[in-house]
Amino acid sequence: MRPAFLSFLHRPVPALCAALALAGVSHAVRAQGFAAYITPPRFEVQVAPGQNLRQVVEIQHVGQQKGNYRVYTNDWAFLPDNSVAFSDALAADSCRPWVAVERRELTIEPGARYRYRFEITPPAGTPARECRFALMIEGLEPARVQGDLNFPVGGRIGVIVYATIGDAAPKLEITGTRVAQVDGQPTAVVDVRNLGNAHGRLEGFVNGTDASGARFEMAPADLPILPGETRRIAITPVAENGKPAPTVRFPLAVKGNLEWGKNRLPLDASFAP
């Protein structure tokens, strides 16, 4: 999940609809009744059982009128297609009962910033694990979208929180390499399994040489691999000096070391469609 997520809420009926996942950058959403910058886009923190951890997310309202917001928590699931499903219902292993929010609703003046506090308090004796939830910030005044369909639309932002309890940690391993379609393009991917009890991310750079003899530096997608799951991670060329990333001509040879934390995962593989 990339760490944070933006949803637009279409309300032909009172139900909430699907979410669009965004990269881990500061969020800006502009719609009537919702015009806000939210920072940081995600939290990755550590807390000991029985201790209280307070964090602050800053909400800057950039609308021309007062902004009214509702703040609440959700559980979430990171689906195989890298989309996100939020849920108001408590998941079976939800840690949301450990989370306290400052207030449920707030009003922010035009151009003002609000430092919103929330706290995480895992009970004493909690075994090592990762607490994951989303802090949802939702505009309360929907706008109407005109066109072929006429319906009210609002917005919300989900700030993703990962709280490591005790000595929980990821344990990543590469289980396979292949070429897959990513955004409609053939792409080198590695299948990464997480045998640990906290999420992990691949980092680092490897060297690629394609069928034309072109050489380029490549890097893994910044996606979380959650405990117990295997996720497809794309390995793509790094864009340099503001230029578009080069196009890969398969077959492709990749060699180097990927990293997670202080650990290395050697990669020496050929990719062919």
Protein backbone atom coordinates (compact mmCIF):
# COMPACT_ATOMS: atom_id res chain seq x y z
CA MET A 1 0.00 0.00 0.00
CA ARG A 2 2.00 2.44 -0.90
CA PRO A 3 1.54 4.09 2.52
CA ALA A 4 -1.46 6.39 1.92
CA PHE A 5 -4.65 6.36 -0.04
CA LEU A 6 -7.15 8.72 -1.58
CA SER A 7 -10.81 7.82 -2.10
CA PHE A 8 -13.53 9.69 -3.91
CA LEU A 9 -16.93 8.84 -2.50
CA HIS A 10 -19.77 8.64 -5.01
CA ARG A 11 -23.11 8.77 -3.23
CA PRO A 12 -26.04 7.87 -5.50
CA VAL A 13 -26.93 5.90 -2.36
CA PRO A 14 -25.47 6.44 1.13
CA ALA A 15 -22.89 3.66 0.66
CA LEU A 16 -19.20 4.34 0.24
CA CYS A 17 -17.56 3.11 -2.94
CA ALA A 18 -14.14 1.94 -4.12
CA ALA A 19 -10.77 3.54 -3.30
CA LEU A 20 -7.95 4.68 -5.55
CA ALA A 21 -4.51 3.99 -4.11
CA LEU A 22 -1.88 6.68 -4.44
CA ALA A 23 1.85 6.82 -3.92
CA GLY A 24 3.38 7.80 -0.61
CA VAL A 25 3.47 11.54 -1.16
CA SER A 26 1.72 14.38 0.62
CA HIS A 27 -1.92 14.30 -0.41
CA ALA A 28 -3.92 17.12 -1.89
CA VAL A 29 -7.62 16.76 -2.62
CA ARG A 30 -9.77 19.52 -4.09
CA ALA A 31 -13.54 19.29 -4.31
CA GLN A 32 -16.27 21.51 -2.96
CA GLY A 33 -16.30 20.82 0.78
CA PHE A 34 -12.94 19.00 0.63
CA ALA A 35 -9.78 20.91 -0.22
CA ALA A 36 -6.93 19.70 1.94
CA TYR A 37 -3.27 18.81 2.11
CA ILE A 38 -2.47 15.99 4.51
CA THR A 39 1.03 15.26 5.86
CA PRO A 40 2.68 12.89 6.46
CA PRO A 41 1.18 10.42 3.96
CA ARG A 42 1.90 7.43 6.19
CA PHE A 43 3.31 6.50 9.58
CA GLU A 44 5.80 3.72 10.31
CA VAL A 45 6.35 3.72 14.07
CA GLN A 46 7.37 1.39 16.88
CA VAL A 47 5.75 1.04 20.29
CA ALA A 48 6.23 -1.31 23.23
CA PRO A 49 3.30 -3.21 24.79
CA GLY A 50 1.68 -1.21 27.56
CA GLN A 51 3.12 2.09 26.34
CA ASN A 52 1.27 5.04 24.82
CA LEU A 53 2.46 6.52 21.54
CA ARG A 54 1.08 9.87 20.36
CA GLN A 55 1.39 10.98 16.73
CA VAL A 56 0.26 14.08 14.82
CA VAL A 57 -1.06 14.43 11.27
CA GLU A 58 -1.30 17.94 9.83
CA ILE A 59 -4.40 18.94 7.88
CA GLN A 60 -4.15 22.13 5.82
CA HIS A 61 -7.48 23.38 4.53
CA VAL A 62 -6.97 25.27 1.26
CA GLY A 63 -10.60 25.95 0.39
CA GLN A 64 -12.07 29.45 0.21
CA GLN A 65 -14.68 28.65 2.84
CA LYS A 66 -14.52 26.78 6.14
CA GLY A 67 -13.91 23.09 5.79
CA ASN A 68 -15.81 20.54 7.84
CA TYR A 69 -14.22 17.14 8.29
CA ARG A 70 -14.97 13.82 9.94
CA VAL A 71 -12.10 11.70 11.27
CA TYR A 72 -12.32 7.99 12.05
CA THR A 73 -10.37 4.76 11.68
CA ASN A 74 -10.75 1.89 9.22
CA ASP A 75 -9.21 -1.50 8.73
CA TRP A 76 -7.86 -2.12 5.26
CA ALA A 77 -6.73 -4.90 2.98
CA PHE A 78 -4.09 -4.67 0.25
CA LEU A 79 -5.46 -6.71 -2.62
CA PRO A 80 -3.45 -8.77 -5.15
CA ASP A 81 -3.98 -6.12 -7.86
CA ASN A 82 -2.43 -3.48 -5.52
CA SER A 83 -5.78 -1.82 -4.86
CA VAL A 84 -6.99 -1.16 -1.33
CA ALA A 85 -10.24 -2.10 0.35
CA PHE A 86 -11.19 -0.08 3.42
CA SER A 87 -13.62 -1.43 6.02
CA ASP A 88 -15.55 0.21 8.85
CA ALA A 89 -16.16 -3.24 10.36
CA LEU A 90 -13.49 -4.51 12.72
CA ALA A 91 -11.27 -7.16 11.16
CA ALA A 92 -10.69 -10.35 13.14
CA ASP A 93 -7.24 -9.20 14.25
CA SER A 94 -7.97 -5.47 14.26
CA CYS A 95 -5.92 -3.25 16.55
CA ARG A 96 -8.25 -0.27 16.15
CA PRO A 97 -9.55 -0.67 19.74
CA TRP A 98 -6.02 0.40 20.79
CA VAL A 99 -6.36 3.68 18.88
CA ALA A 100 -7.76 6.92 20.33
CA VAL A 101 -8.46 9.93 18.13
CA GLU A 102 -8.55 13.53 19.31
CA ARG A 103 -12.06 14.31 18.05
CA ARG A 104 -14.57 12.94 15.56
CA GLU A 105 -15.37 16.16 13.68
CA LEU A 106 -13.57 19.44 13.18
CA THR A 107 -13.88 22.70 11.28
CA ILE A 108 -10.85 24.42 9.78
CA GLU A 109 -10.72 28.05 8.61
CA PRO A 110 -9.61 28.83 5.03
CA GLY A 111 -5.84 28.54 4.70
CA ALA A 112 -5.42 27.26 8.25
CA ARG A 113 -3.53 24.19 9.42
CA TYR A 114 -4.73 21.80 12.10
CA ARG A 115 -2.40 19.44 13.96
CA TYR A 116 -4.60 16.44 14.62
CA ARG A 117 -3.50 14.01 17.34
CA PHE A 118 -4.08 10.30 17.68
CA GLU A 119 -2.68 7.72 20.08
CA ILE A 120 -1.82 4.01 19.95
CA THR A 121 -1.72 2.03 23.20
CA PRO A 122 -1.18 -1.73 22.78
CA PRO A 123 -2.15 -3.60 25.96
CA ALA A 124 0.57 -4.87 28.26
CA GLY A 125 1.57 -8.38 27.28
CA THR A 126 0.72 -7.95 23.59
CA PRO A 127 2.92 -10.39 21.65
CA ALA A 128 5.18 -9.12 18.87
CA ARG A 129 3.05 -8.15 15.86
CA GLU A 130 2.24 -5.27 13.57
CA CYS A 131 -0.74 -3.00 14.17
CA ARG A 132 -2.11 -1.64 10.87
CA PHE A 133 -5.01 0.74 10.38
CA ALA A 134 -6.04 3.78 8.36
CA LEU A 135 -6.82 7.21 9.77
CA MET A 136 -9.65 8.41 7.52
CA ILE A 137 -10.20 12.14 6.96
CA GLU A 138 -13.45 12.82 5.13
CA GLY A 139 -15.04 16.05 3.88
CA LEU A 140 -18.60 16.49 5.09
CA GLU A 141 -20.02 18.65 2.26
CA PRO A 142 -20.24 16.75 -1.05
CA ALA A 143 -20.23 18.56 -4.37
CA ARG A 144 -22.33 17.63 -7.39
CA VAL A 145 -20.62 16.34 -10.51
CA GLN A 146 -22.39 17.37 -13.73
CA GLY A 147 -22.28 15.53 -17.05
CA ASP A 148 -23.77 12.34 -18.43
CA LEU A 149 -24.17 11.24 -14.82
CA ASN A 150 -25.29 13.69 -12.18
CA PHE A 151 -24.35 12.58 -8.68
CA PRO A 152 -22.88 14.00 -5.47
CA VAL A 153 -19.20 13.35 -4.84
CA GLY A 154 -17.15 13.83 -1.72
CA GLY A 155 -13.59 12.96 -0.85
CA ARG A 156 -11.61 11.30 1.86
CA ILE A 157 -7.98 10.51 2.53
CA GLY A 158 -6.72 7.40 4.26
CA VAL A 159 -3.43 7.92 6.08
CA ILE A 160 -1.95 4.44 6.56
CA VAL A 161 -0.37 3.62 9.92
CA TYR A 162 2.03 0.73 10.56
CA ALA A 163 2.91 0.34 14.25
CA THR A 164 5.47 -2.33 15.07
CA ILE A 165 4.78 -3.91 18.46
CA GLY A 166 7.83 -5.24 20.29
CA ASP A 167 10.42 -6.92 18.09
CA ALA A 168 8.13 -7.73 15.16
CA ALA A 169 10.00 -7.68 11.85
CA PRO A 170 9.64 -8.77 8.23
CA LYS A 171 11.46 -11.72 6.70
CA LEU A 172 11.51 -11.47 2.92
CA GLU A 173 12.55 -14.00 0.31
CA ILE A 174 12.30 -14.13 -3.48
CA THR A 175 10.26 -17.12 -4.62
CA GLY A 176 10.24 -16.53 -8.35
CA THR A 177 11.06 -14.24 -11.28
CA ARG A 178 9.00 -13.71 -14.43
CA VAL A 179 7.62 -11.21 -16.93
CA ALA A 180 4.10 -9.96 -16.23
CA GLN A 181 1.79 -7.28 -17.56
CA VAL A 182 1.96 -4.18 -15.36
CA ASP A 183 -0.11 -1.18 -16.48
CA GLY A 184 -0.44 -2.86 -19.85
CA GLN A 185 3.30 -3.27 -20.40
CA PRO A 186 5.51 -6.38 -20.13
CA THR A 187 7.54 -5.89 -16.97
CA ALA A 188 10.18 -7.81 -15.04
CA VAL A 189 8.74 -8.84 -11.67
CA VAL A 190 9.91 -10.80 -8.66
CA ASP A 191 7.54 -12.70 -6.38
CA VAL A 192 8.42 -11.86 -2.78
CA ARG A 193 7.18 -13.82 0.24
CA ASN A 194 7.09 -12.38 3.75
CA LEU A 195 7.60 -15.02 6.45
CA GLY A 196 7.88 -12.42 9.23
CA ASN A 197 5.29 -10.71 11.43
CA ALA A 198 5.63 -7.12 10.13
CA HIS A 199 5.48 -5.62 6.65
CA GLY A 200 8.59 -5.10 4.56
CA ARG A 201 9.62 -3.30 1.37
CA LEU A 202 12.28 -4.03 -1.19
CA GLU A 203 14.86 -1.31 -1.81
CA GLY A 204 18.18 -0.94 -3.58
CA PHE A 205 19.35 -0.91 -7.19
CA VAL A 206 20.30 -3.64 -9.66
CA ASN A 207 21.85 -3.55 -13.13
CA GLY A 208 19.87 -4.50 -16.20
CA THR A 209 20.97 -5.31 -19.75
CA ASP A 210 18.29 -5.79 -22.40
CA ALA A 211 18.20 -7.46 -25.84
CA SER A 212 19.50 -4.33 -27.57
CA GLY A 213 22.56 -4.22 -25.30
CA ALA A 214 21.28 -1.16 -23.46
CA ARG A 215 22.31 -1.01 -19.82
CA PHE A 216 20.42 0.77 -17.11
CA GLU A 217 19.93 0.96 -13.38
CA MET A 218 16.75 -0.65 -12.12
CA ALA A 219 14.82 -0.50 -8.84
CA PRO A 220 11.89 -2.33 -7.21
CA ALA A 221 8.44 -0.82 -6.80
CA ASP A 222 7.86 0.67 -3.35
CA LEU A 223 5.06 -1.65 -2.30
CA PRO A 224 4.53 -3.18 1.14
CA ILE A 225 4.69 -6.97 1.47
CA LEU A 226 2.43 -7.80 4.40
CA PRO A 227 3.10 -10.68 6.83
CA GLY A 228 2.16 -14.07 5.42
CA GLU A 229 1.65 -12.89 1.85
CA THR A 230 3.50 -13.21 -1.44
CA ARG A 231 3.40 -10.10 -3.62
CA ARG A 232 4.46 -9.34 -7.16
CA ILE A 233 7.06 -6.55 -7.18
CA ALA A 234 7.96 -4.86 -10.46
CA ILE A 235 11.62 -4.15 -11.27
CA THR A 236 11.83 -1.17 -13.63
CA PRO A 237 14.48 1.18 -15.05
CA VAL A 238 15.25 4.31 -13.06
CA ALA A 239 14.55 7.60 -14.86
CA GLU A 240 17.56 9.92 -14.90
CA ASN A 241 17.81 13.72 -15.12
CA GLY A 242 14.09 14.16 -15.52
CA LYS A 243 14.01 12.01 -18.68
CA PRO A 244 11.41 9.28 -19.20
CA ALA A 245 12.49 5.83 -18.04
CA PRO A 246 13.99 3.83 -20.91
CA THR A 247 11.91 1.14 -22.63
CA VAL A 248 13.07 -2.41 -21.95
CA ARG A 249 13.50 -4.82 -24.86
CA PHE A 250 13.22 -8.39 -23.66
CA PRO A 251 14.93 -10.70 -22.94
CA LEU A 252 16.44 -8.85 -20.00
CA ALA A 253 19.31 -9.87 -17.71
CA VAL A 254 19.31 -8.44 -14.18
CA LYS A 255 22.05 -8.75 -11.60
CA GLY A 256 22.71 -7.16 -8.22
CA ASN A 257 21.40 -7.03 -4.67
CA LEU A 258 17.97 -5.96 -3.52
CA GLU A 259 17.66 -4.93 0.11
CA TRP A 260 15.19 -4.95 2.97
CA GLY A 261 16.39 -3.30 6.16
CA LYS A 262 19.98 -4.43 6.72
CA ASN A 263 19.45 -7.60 4.69
CA ARG A 264 20.33 -8.35 1.08
CA LEU A 265 18.56 -10.49 -1.49
CA PRO A 266 20.90 -11.43 -4.38
CA LEU A 267 19.23 -11.29 -7.79
CA ASP A 268 20.81 -12.84 -10.89
CA ALA A 269 18.05 -13.66 -13.34
CA SER A 270 16.95 -13.54 -16.97
CA PHE A 271 13.49 -12.29 -17.87
CA ALA A 272 11.82 -13.30 -21.13
CA PRO A 273 8.14 -13.01 -22.11
